[in-house]
Amino acid sequence: MPALLNHLSVPAQSEAASGGIDRQRRALVFGAAAAAGAVALGFSPAQAAVRRSSLRSGIDMSARVSAARLDAEVAKAFPLFNAPAILPAFDAASAGAQVDVDLHRIVTTTRVPETGERLKVSGLLAVPAGKTGELPLLSWQHGTILSFDQVPSNLTKLADPAYQLSAAADSLETLFNVQRFAARGYAVVAADYVGKGPFRNGRGEGYAVKGVSVQTCLDMLAAGEVAMASLGLKPSKLFLHGWSQGALNTQWLHQALRRRSRPIAATAVASPFNDLNEAWSYWAGAQSFALPAGTTSYPALPNWISLCMIVALGSYELNYRLSGLLDSAIRPEYRAMARKYWEDYKVVADPQQPFPTGSDLLVPGFFERATDDRNSAFLRHLAANRASYWRYDSPIRFHYGLADEALHPAMVYRALSAGGHQAVGIPTANASHRATFLAGLYGDAASLGGAENVPTWFGKF
């Protein structure tokens, strides 16, 4: 249990505007800039005019971070992801930031398709300091955070020279993307997601819920483009990147953008969940896979998987109005713990109460028979939300680890086999869940089976 508690994020605190954070308020950008952002996402000019109210976006907090400070923070965070170590230690001489970066918290609204709610949401825009004109745009989708506030926009806290990023309070994965992309000439936009960040207002998230996840990413991408216009910047080519939960969101986002005919230069996803029913069966111990070729063992599922399952059940209960799903799906002895965790994301060690694993969290027969109408509806929603069966018409790479404790390599093959010739798998030997992501950003041909890392690959476009 102590290992579990050490691994997890600290309980969330609402992000307050305080300390040394830059409080400058920028004028909100409406009119032509908002319409241009909507048109870029595939809406007609008439639709764009109608949607201006939902694209009222602005920068409400900013920070400039030096290249040297970015490198120092990456050097500190690198070993946390490179575990067990499959890459050399971070080397600023070869992989360092090239320019200082301006970090902006952007605020917009989004509409939850599943419920009709209109919610205020936040995100991050990171751009090379002093840059004007055209530059490539990366939409980054972050992975699972078992707290409310380890979000991309938290990086604006670096406005305080004394602030130190930590795994418990900040989005280190976003730091890596900022250092690898924004500090090398890209604009980076990242949504905090509904139910996360300073404007959650007590609302639960939409973990692995397709509609709200996609719409939030679309609206934040549009808001980022509007904010870029206010800074004298214009996106050229669009790139997508995501890890874990964010890899699923990235596949959904890619598909939504292509349905709107938005060009995408290239996409990279790491630890890419795509078939949610398969993932759930695996997490719950109802499905197993053969050892990957060339391996003699495979890591056990991590102890935080059951918490991800609880968050998913709570998200589907909330967003699909499946009242009581947490109770109908979870064994009686774990229901109180699960309900409390869904409400506050706090794990309290109780030696009198065993902590559930994924394999003993769910009621007996969950995958074999109709145990409850809500459970059946949940499984149908999972199936409807699969990202697996899509023909990609622009390049996409699926990075997967051969020792990923949360995602077996076989769980990637469905999307690869159905994706067409533009979809390519990049296996990473001995890579854990975190190391798979890190290798995609900082690895080389030796660690990536002969492939380039994501920044080098994107640079070819």
Foldseek 3Di string as FASTA:
>chain_A
DVVVVVPAADAADADDPDDLWAQDWDDWFFDPLQLVLVVLLQDDSVVSVVCRQQLRKTFGTKAKFFQVVLLVLCQVCVVVLCVVPPDPRDDCVVQTQQAIKMKTKMKGWFAQVLPRDIFIWIKIKIAGPPDAEEFAEEEEEEADHLYAEQFHSVVSVVNPVPDHDDPNHHRVLSSLVCGRARSVTYIYIYTRAASHHNGNVQPAGQQLQQRRLQRRSSSRSSNNSSHLVVVNYHYDAYEYEYAHSGLLSRLSNLVSSVVSVNDHAEYEYELHFFQQLVLLCVQQVNDDDDQPPPDDDADAADQCSVVSVLSNQVNCCPSNVLPCSLVQFFDPLCSVVSVVCSRTSDDDDDPVRDRDGSNRGTDPCLPPDCSDPSSVVSSVSSRVSGSQAEADPHAYEYQYESHANSHHPVSNVSNQVRHPPSYYYFYFYPRYSSRSSVCLRPNQCVGGVHDGHDSVVSVVD
